[in-house]
Amino acid sequence: MSDLKNFDRMFRLDGKVALVTGGSRGLGLHTATAFLLAGASKVIISARKNEGPQGINQAVEKLNKLNVSGKAVGIAANVADTKDIERLVEEVEKETGGKLDILVCNAGATWGGPFEPTPDWSSQKVLDLNVRGVFNLARLFTSMLSKSARPEDPSRIIIVSSVAGTTVPHVGEHGTIMYSVSKAAAHHMSRQLAVELGPRNITTNTVAPGFFPSKLANGLIEILGGEQELKDWNPRKRLGEPEDIAGVMVYLASPAGAYVNGEDIALDGGVRYAQGRQSKL
């Protein structure tokens, strides 16, 4: 028999404090929910706006109705703006007493359209949030993450990327070239951070989802023929569901993922390997 220490806690986050950017909806909200259900003591969600149907306040209200001991807190911030990240760091430090165990860089932007008329502002918007913003979040939160990091229990950075970072998914009329480039950069950034921060007991990994129905993805899903057509193309015959992202995120943030560092986990049902998928465009 193998001696597996604390196996009953392997997928638990008891007492952990997490920050999830872009946490008011979609994949970020699924992640925040999973962390609280796994025992996190506090999950801070960040987005640009407090109010509205996609804002922080409605998400915090939903999260705090979960029958758990942990608490959700919202802090508005634009994580494409370095000064606003600096303010976010200060507010998280006040809220948590300087404790942060898990940083999930989920906030992202996309833009699609034909190649030659691409406006320069769209590239700046995508790169500022998806690349510079992620780099600055990691850089500016490293000090706080280091405080609670231990060799046997490292702090975690999880970057939410996309399978678009490893494929050429959409060109032509609805091309997403700079989005794909930004996600490829995010993938390589996690490898760089894994080596830079690993000695400080901070692991960095990337989760690369395929299509999950969401506000960000629904427009492109319709352009590509709708949910049913995308399901038919997928080897698993379905799109991503909240439980799929929840499981991977809890794995990477929990003791089960303590030795995983610098990895990309594709979460697309294997559709990136299907041939001919992009011929529609």
Protein backbone atom coordinates (compact mmCIF):
# COMPACT_ATOMS: atom_id res chain seq x y z
CA MET A 1 0.00 0.00 0.00
CA SER A 2 1.25 3.50 -0.85
CA ASP A 3 1.39 6.10 1.89
CA LEU A 4 -0.65 8.95 0.41
CA LYS A 5 -0.61 11.80 2.89
CA ASN A 6 -3.86 13.70 3.52
CA PHE A 7 -5.62 12.14 0.54
CA ASP A 8 -8.98 13.31 1.87
CA ARG A 9 -7.77 16.93 1.51
CA MET A 10 -6.15 16.51 -1.89
CA PHE A 11 -8.78 18.51 -3.76
CA ARG A 12 -9.62 20.95 -0.97
CA LEU A 13 -8.82 24.64 -0.62
CA ASP A 14 -9.63 25.04 3.05
CA GLY A 15 -8.47 28.39 4.41
CA LYS A 16 -7.16 29.63 1.06
CA VAL A 17 -7.62 33.18 -0.23
CA ALA A 18 -8.03 33.68 -3.97
CA LEU A 19 -8.35 36.56 -6.42
CA VAL A 20 -10.16 35.91 -9.72
CA THR A 21 -10.04 38.69 -12.31
CA GLY A 22 -12.98 38.80 -14.67
CA GLY A 23 -14.82 36.94 -11.94
CA SER A 24 -18.29 38.42 -12.29
CA ARG A 25 -19.46 36.13 -15.10
CA GLY A 26 -18.59 33.17 -17.30
CA LEU A 27 -15.45 31.15 -16.60
CA GLY A 28 -14.37 33.50 -13.83
CA LEU A 29 -17.64 33.10 -11.95
CA HIS A 30 -17.51 29.31 -12.39
CA THR A 31 -14.00 29.39 -10.91
CA ALA A 32 -14.96 31.57 -7.96
CA THR A 33 -17.92 29.30 -7.22
CA ALA A 34 -15.73 26.19 -7.33
CA PHE A 35 -13.14 27.71 -5.00
CA LEU A 36 -15.75 28.55 -2.38
CA LEU A 37 -17.32 25.10 -2.65
CA ALA A 38 -13.84 23.57 -2.22
CA GLY A 39 -13.40 25.38 1.09
CA ALA A 40 -11.65 28.67 0.27
CA SER A 41 -12.11 31.13 3.11
CA LYS A 42 -12.28 34.18 0.86
CA VAL A 43 -12.59 34.68 -2.89
CA ILE A 44 -12.16 38.18 -4.24
CA ILE A 45 -13.61 38.78 -7.68
CA SER A 46 -12.59 41.69 -9.83
CA ALA A 47 -14.17 43.22 -12.92
CA ARG A 48 -14.44 46.69 -14.37
CA LYS A 49 -17.95 47.47 -13.14
CA ASN A 50 -19.83 47.00 -9.89
CA GLU A 51 -23.33 47.52 -11.26
CA GLY A 52 -25.39 45.82 -13.96
CA PRO A 53 -26.38 42.26 -14.91
CA GLN A 54 -22.72 41.35 -15.60
CA GLY A 55 -21.28 43.44 -12.77
CA ILE A 56 -19.50 42.50 -9.56
CA ASN A 57 -22.38 43.15 -7.16
CA GLN A 58 -24.77 40.60 -8.65
CA ALA A 59 -22.01 37.96 -8.71
CA VAL A 60 -20.98 38.58 -5.08
CA GLU A 61 -24.62 38.32 -4.03
CA LYS A 62 -24.98 34.95 -5.77
CA LEU A 63 -21.70 33.62 -4.35
CA ASN A 64 -22.58 34.62 -0.82
CA LYS A 65 -25.79 32.62 -1.05
CA LEU A 66 -23.80 29.40 -1.33
CA ASN A 67 -24.11 27.23 1.75
CA VAL A 68 -20.41 27.48 2.61
CA SER A 69 -18.26 29.09 5.28
CA GLY A 70 -16.20 31.14 2.84
CA LYS A 71 -16.99 34.65 1.70
CA ALA A 72 -16.97 36.43 -1.65
CA VAL A 73 -15.80 40.03 -1.94
CA GLY A 74 -15.82 42.29 -4.99
CA ILE A 75 -13.27 44.94 -5.96
CA ALA A 76 -13.70 46.86 -9.21
CA ALA A 77 -10.54 47.35 -11.27
CA ASN A 78 -9.37 47.67 -14.84
CA VAL A 79 -6.51 45.18 -15.02
CA ALA A 80 -5.35 46.53 -18.37
CA ASP A 81 -4.25 49.64 -16.46
CA THR A 82 -1.08 49.26 -14.38
CA LYS A 83 -2.05 52.03 -11.96
CA ASP A 84 -5.38 50.33 -11.35
CA ILE A 85 -3.60 47.02 -10.70
CA GLU A 86 -1.45 48.80 -8.12
CA ARG A 87 -4.63 50.07 -6.45
CA LEU A 88 -6.11 46.57 -6.61
CA VAL A 89 -3.04 45.17 -4.84
CA GLU A 90 -3.46 47.72 -2.05
CA GLU A 91 -7.16 46.96 -1.64
CA VAL A 92 -6.63 43.18 -1.65
CA GLU A 93 -3.91 43.60 0.95
CA LYS A 94 -6.27 45.59 3.19
CA GLU A 95 -9.10 43.10 2.66
CA THR A 96 -7.03 40.01 3.41
CA GLY A 97 -4.39 41.28 5.82
CA GLY A 98 -1.75 40.62 3.20
CA LYS A 99 -2.71 36.99 2.54
CA LEU A 100 -3.16 35.74 -1.03
CA ASP A 101 -2.70 32.09 -2.02
CA ILE A 102 -4.20 31.91 -5.52
CA LEU A 103 -4.22 34.43 -8.37
CA VAL A 104 -6.40 33.61 -11.36
CA CYS A 105 -5.77 35.90 -14.34
CA ASN A 106 -9.02 35.38 -16.21
CA ALA A 107 -10.03 38.83 -17.49
CA GLY A 108 -9.60 39.01 -21.26
CA ALA A 109 -10.57 40.87 -24.40
CA THR A 110 -11.06 39.78 -28.00
CA TRP A 111 -11.62 41.40 -31.38
CA GLY A 112 -12.48 39.86 -34.72
CA GLY A 113 -12.57 41.13 -38.28
CA PRO A 114 -10.83 41.11 -41.67
CA PHE A 115 -7.05 41.39 -41.68
CA GLU A 116 -6.11 44.54 -43.60
CA PRO A 117 -8.67 46.95 -42.11
CA THR A 118 -7.85 45.90 -38.53
CA PRO A 119 -7.86 49.10 -36.44
CA ASP A 120 -4.75 49.58 -34.35
CA TRP A 121 -6.80 50.35 -31.22
CA SER A 122 -8.18 46.79 -31.28
CA SER A 123 -4.68 45.29 -31.11
CA GLN A 124 -3.71 47.62 -28.29
CA LYS A 125 -6.87 46.72 -26.34
CA VAL A 126 -6.28 42.97 -26.71
CA LEU A 127 -2.55 43.07 -25.92
CA ASP A 128 -2.92 45.48 -23.00
CA LEU A 129 -5.36 43.22 -21.18
CA ASN A 130 -4.37 39.72 -22.31
CA VAL A 131 -0.59 40.15 -22.13
CA ARG A 132 0.56 43.29 -20.30
CA GLY A 133 -2.25 43.03 -17.79
CA VAL A 134 -1.45 39.40 -16.96
CA PHE A 135 2.27 40.16 -16.64
CA ASN A 136 1.63 43.10 -14.33
CA LEU A 137 -0.86 41.18 -12.20
CA ALA A 138 1.72 38.44 -11.65
CA ARG A 139 4.53 40.92 -11.05
CA LEU A 140 2.67 43.13 -8.61
CA PHE A 141 1.01 40.33 -6.63
CA THR A 142 4.19 38.23 -6.31
CA SER A 143 5.14 39.77 -2.98
CA MET A 144 1.79 38.89 -1.44
CA LEU A 145 1.76 35.40 -2.96
CA SER A 146 5.26 34.76 -1.59
CA LYS A 147 4.25 35.43 2.01
CA SER A 148 2.07 32.33 2.33
CA ALA A 149 4.00 30.11 -0.11
CA ARG A 150 5.78 27.05 1.22
CA PRO A 151 7.71 24.25 -0.51
CA GLU A 152 5.04 21.68 0.36
CA ASP A 153 2.18 24.09 -0.33
CA PRO A 154 3.06 26.63 -3.03
CA SER A 155 0.99 29.64 -3.96
CA ARG A 156 -0.57 29.47 -7.42
CA ILE A 157 -0.91 31.66 -10.49
CA ILE A 158 -3.38 30.32 -13.05
CA ILE A 159 -3.64 32.09 -16.40
CA VAL A 160 -6.83 31.55 -18.37
CA SER A 161 -5.78 31.45 -22.01
CA SER A 162 -7.47 29.73 -24.97
CA VAL A 163 -6.83 26.89 -27.39
CA ALA A 164 -6.51 29.78 -29.87
CA GLY A 165 -3.03 30.20 -28.37
CA THR A 166 -1.87 26.90 -29.93
CA THR A 167 -3.97 26.75 -33.11
CA VAL A 168 -4.91 29.06 -36.00
CA PRO A 169 -8.64 29.09 -35.36
CA HIS A 170 -10.12 31.99 -37.30
CA VAL A 171 -8.81 33.98 -40.26
CA GLY A 172 -10.60 35.78 -43.05
CA GLU A 173 -13.72 37.87 -42.48
CA HIS A 174 -13.93 36.96 -38.80
CA GLY A 175 -10.22 36.60 -38.11
CA THR A 176 -8.93 36.76 -34.55
CA ILE A 177 -5.21 36.98 -35.27
CA MET A 178 -4.17 39.33 -32.49
CA TYR A 179 -6.36 37.53 -29.97
CA SER A 180 -4.63 34.26 -30.86
CA VAL A 181 -1.23 35.95 -30.66
CA SER A 182 -2.07 37.33 -27.21
CA LYS A 183 -3.08 33.89 -25.98
CA ALA A 184 0.10 32.32 -27.38
CA ALA A 185 2.00 34.96 -25.41
CA ALA A 186 0.04 34.04 -22.28
CA HIS A 187 1.03 30.39 -22.73
CA HIS A 188 4.71 31.25 -22.96
CA MET A 189 4.43 33.73 -20.12
CA SER A 190 3.31 30.93 -17.80
CA ARG A 191 6.44 28.95 -18.71
CA GLN A 192 8.63 31.97 -18.02
CA LEU A 193 6.90 32.63 -14.70
CA ALA A 194 7.14 28.94 -13.75
CA VAL A 195 10.93 29.19 -13.87
CA GLU A 196 11.12 32.71 -12.43
CA LEU A 197 8.75 32.13 -9.51
CA GLY A 198 9.08 28.38 -8.88
CA PRO A 199 12.07 28.90 -6.56
CA ARG A 200 9.85 31.25 -4.53
CA ASN A 201 7.30 28.45 -4.12
CA ILE A 202 4.82 29.93 -6.61
CA THR A 203 3.63 27.73 -9.47
CA THR A 204 2.23 29.11 -12.72
CA ASN A 205 0.06 27.20 -15.18
CA THR A 206 -2.24 27.96 -18.07
CA VAL A 207 -5.76 26.68 -18.68
CA ALA A 208 -6.75 26.92 -22.35
CA PRO A 209 -10.50 26.50 -22.88
CA GLY A 210 -12.24 25.88 -26.16
CA PHE A 211 -15.81 27.00 -26.62
CA PHE A 212 -17.83 27.50 -23.47
CA PRO A 213 -21.13 29.31 -24.07
CA SER A 214 -20.57 32.81 -22.63
CA LYS A 215 -21.04 36.46 -23.49
CA LEU A 216 -17.52 36.55 -24.93
CA ALA A 217 -17.97 33.43 -27.08
CA ASN A 218 -21.63 33.45 -28.10
CA GLY A 219 -21.25 35.83 -31.04
CA LEU A 220 -18.54 33.70 -32.66
CA ILE A 221 -20.47 30.52 -31.88
CA GLU A 222 -23.38 31.87 -33.90
CA ILE A 223 -21.12 32.94 -36.79
CA LEU A 224 -19.71 29.41 -36.89
CA GLY A 225 -23.15 27.84 -37.26
CA GLY A 226 -24.42 27.71 -33.70
CA GLU A 227 -23.97 25.44 -30.71
CA GLN A 228 -25.27 22.27 -32.36
CA GLU A 229 -22.83 22.46 -35.27
CA LEU A 230 -19.90 23.02 -32.92
CA LYS A 231 -21.04 20.10 -30.78
CA ASP A 232 -21.17 17.88 -33.88
CA TRP A 233 -17.56 18.79 -34.72
CA ASN A 234 -16.31 18.06 -31.21
CA PRO A 235 -15.05 14.53 -30.44
CA ARG A 236 -16.96 14.74 -27.14
CA LYS A 237 -20.11 15.92 -28.96
CA ARG A 238 -20.64 18.84 -26.60
CA LEU A 239 -19.26 22.24 -25.61
CA GLY A 240 -17.66 23.16 -22.32
CA GLU A 241 -19.76 23.20 -19.15
CA PRO A 242 -19.21 24.97 -15.81
CA GLU A 243 -18.12 21.74 -14.12
CA ASP A 244 -15.31 21.31 -16.65
CA ILE A 245 -13.59 24.57 -15.77
CA ALA A 246 -14.37 24.10 -12.06
CA GLY A 247 -12.62 20.73 -11.95
CA VAL A 248 -9.43 21.88 -13.64
CA MET A 249 -9.19 25.05 -11.58
CA VAL A 250 -9.65 23.26 -8.26
CA TYR A 251 -7.09 20.63 -9.32
CA LEU A 252 -4.44 23.24 -10.12
CA ALA A 253 -5.14 25.27 -6.98
CA SER A 254 -5.34 22.33 -4.56
CA PRO A 255 -2.69 20.00 -3.08
CA ALA A 256 -3.31 17.66 -6.03
CA GLY A 257 -1.64 20.20 -8.36
CA ALA A 258 1.22 21.28 -6.12
CA TYR A 259 3.94 19.84 -8.40
CA VAL A 260 2.42 20.99 -11.69
CA ASN A 261 4.35 24.01 -12.97
CA GLY A 262 4.60 25.64 -16.40
CA GLU A 263 1.95 23.46 -18.03
CA ASP A 264 -0.81 24.26 -20.53
CA ILE A 265 -4.03 22.32 -20.00
CA ALA A 266 -6.31 22.38 -23.03
CA LEU A 267 -9.99 22.19 -22.14
CA ASP A 268 -11.77 21.70 -25.44
CA GLY A 269 -12.87 18.06 -25.63
CA GLY A 270 -10.11 17.40 -28.19
CA VAL A 271 -11.62 19.52 -30.95
CA ARG A 272 -8.27 21.19 -31.68
CA TYR A 273 -7.20 17.90 -33.25
CA ALA A 274 -10.23 17.59 -35.52
CA GLN A 275 -9.38 18.21 -39.17
CA GLY A 276 -11.10 20.69 -41.45
CA ARG A 277 -12.76 22.65 -38.67
CA GLN A 278 -11.55 26.04 -39.91
CA SER A 279 -12.54 25.50 -43.54
CA LYS A 280 -15.91 27.11 -42.78
CA LEU A 281 -14.19 30.49 -42.58
